[in-house]
Amino acid sequence: MTISVDLDMTNTTPERDAFQLKRSFKIAVSITAVLWLIKIAEFAVGARLGQYGVYPGQLNGLAGVLLAPMIHASFEHL
């Protein structure tokens, strides 16, 4: 998949701008929904996903580099 960015802005139309705005909104809502689903599932099951955070100086903390952005400490933090 290739993403191109039109920096000269001569190829834009209101329809294209509306399409891109809707697509961006859908992506943001989808990511937010996934974060909420993860937190709700963690709460419902009683799991502690904090163990998958980033722990410097520990080999098992490397997984947290990828997983930590999806883990939140509380609903308020989310």
Protein backbone atom coordinates (compact mmCIF):
# COMPACT_ATOMS: atom_id res chain seq x y z
CA MET A 1 0.00 0.00 0.00
CA THR A 2 1.37 3.39 -0.99
CA ILE A 3 0.36 6.61 0.67
CA SER A 4 0.89 9.73 -1.36
CA VAL A 5 0.76 13.25 -0.06
CA ASP A 6 -0.10 16.13 -2.39
CA LEU A 7 1.89 19.04 -0.96
CA ASP A 8 1.10 21.60 -3.68
CA MET A 9 -2.65 21.39 -2.92
CA THR A 10 -3.63 21.99 -6.58
CA ASN A 11 -5.25 18.58 -6.93
CA THR A 12 -7.80 18.96 -4.13
CA THR A 13 -11.53 19.18 -4.47
CA PRO A 14 -14.21 19.56 -1.81
CA GLU A 15 -15.35 15.99 -2.50
CA ARG A 16 -11.83 14.60 -2.09
CA ASP A 17 -11.27 16.64 1.05
CA ALA A 18 -14.56 15.39 2.51
CA PHE A 19 -13.62 11.80 1.68
CA GLN A 20 -10.21 12.15 3.35
CA LEU A 21 -11.73 13.81 6.41
CA LYS A 22 -14.29 11.01 6.79
CA ARG A 23 -11.59 8.36 6.34
CA SER A 24 -9.36 10.03 8.94
CA PHE A 25 -12.27 10.26 11.38
CA LYS A 26 -13.12 6.58 10.90
CA ILE A 27 -9.50 5.58 11.55
CA ALA A 28 -9.34 7.67 14.74
CA VAL A 29 -12.67 6.29 16.02
CA SER A 30 -11.59 2.73 15.22
CA ILE A 31 -8.32 3.04 17.14
CA THR A 32 -10.12 4.63 20.09
CA ALA A 33 -12.72 1.83 20.07
CA VAL A 34 -9.98 -0.81 20.13
CA LEU A 35 -8.35 0.87 23.14
CA TRP A 36 -11.68 0.95 24.99
CA LEU A 37 -12.40 -2.70 24.11
CA ILE A 38 -9.01 -3.76 25.44
CA LYS A 39 -9.59 -1.88 28.72
CA ILE A 40 -13.14 -3.22 29.11
CA ALA A 41 -11.97 -6.79 28.43
CA GLU A 42 -9.12 -6.38 30.94
CA PHE A 43 -11.59 -5.13 33.55
CA ALA A 44 -14.21 -7.82 32.82
CA VAL A 45 -11.75 -10.68 33.02
CA GLY A 46 -9.78 -9.26 35.92
CA ALA A 47 -6.53 -9.38 33.99
CA ARG A 48 -3.53 -7.20 34.76
CA LEU A 49 -2.06 -6.13 31.42
CA GLY A 50 0.44 -3.81 33.09
CA GLN A 51 2.89 -6.71 33.08
CA TYR A 52 3.21 -6.17 29.32
CA GLY A 53 4.49 -2.61 29.74
CA VAL A 54 7.99 -1.34 28.99
CA TYR A 55 10.50 -2.37 31.64
CA PRO A 56 13.96 -0.90 30.97
CA GLY A 57 16.91 -3.18 31.45
CA GLN A 58 14.82 -6.35 31.25
CA LEU A 59 14.61 -8.61 28.24
CA ASN A 60 10.92 -9.34 28.81
CA GLY A 61 10.28 -5.58 28.75
CA LEU A 62 10.99 -5.49 25.00
CA ALA A 63 7.50 -6.78 24.24
CA GLY A 64 6.18 -3.66 25.91
CA VAL A 65 7.66 -1.50 23.17
CA LEU A 66 4.92 -2.83 20.89
CA LEU A 67 2.20 -3.54 23.44
CA ALA A 68 2.44 -0.59 25.84
CA PRO A 69 0.63 1.93 23.61
CA MET A 70 -2.47 -0.28 23.83
CA ILE A 71 -2.35 -0.66 27.63
CA HIS A 72 -3.72 2.01 29.97
CA ALA A 73 -3.54 2.13 33.75
CA SER A 74 -7.17 3.10 34.33
CA PHE A 75 -10.33 4.30 32.63
CA GLU A 76 -9.38 7.85 33.63
CA HIS A 77 -5.98 7.44 32.01
CA LEU A 78 -7.63 6.08 28.87
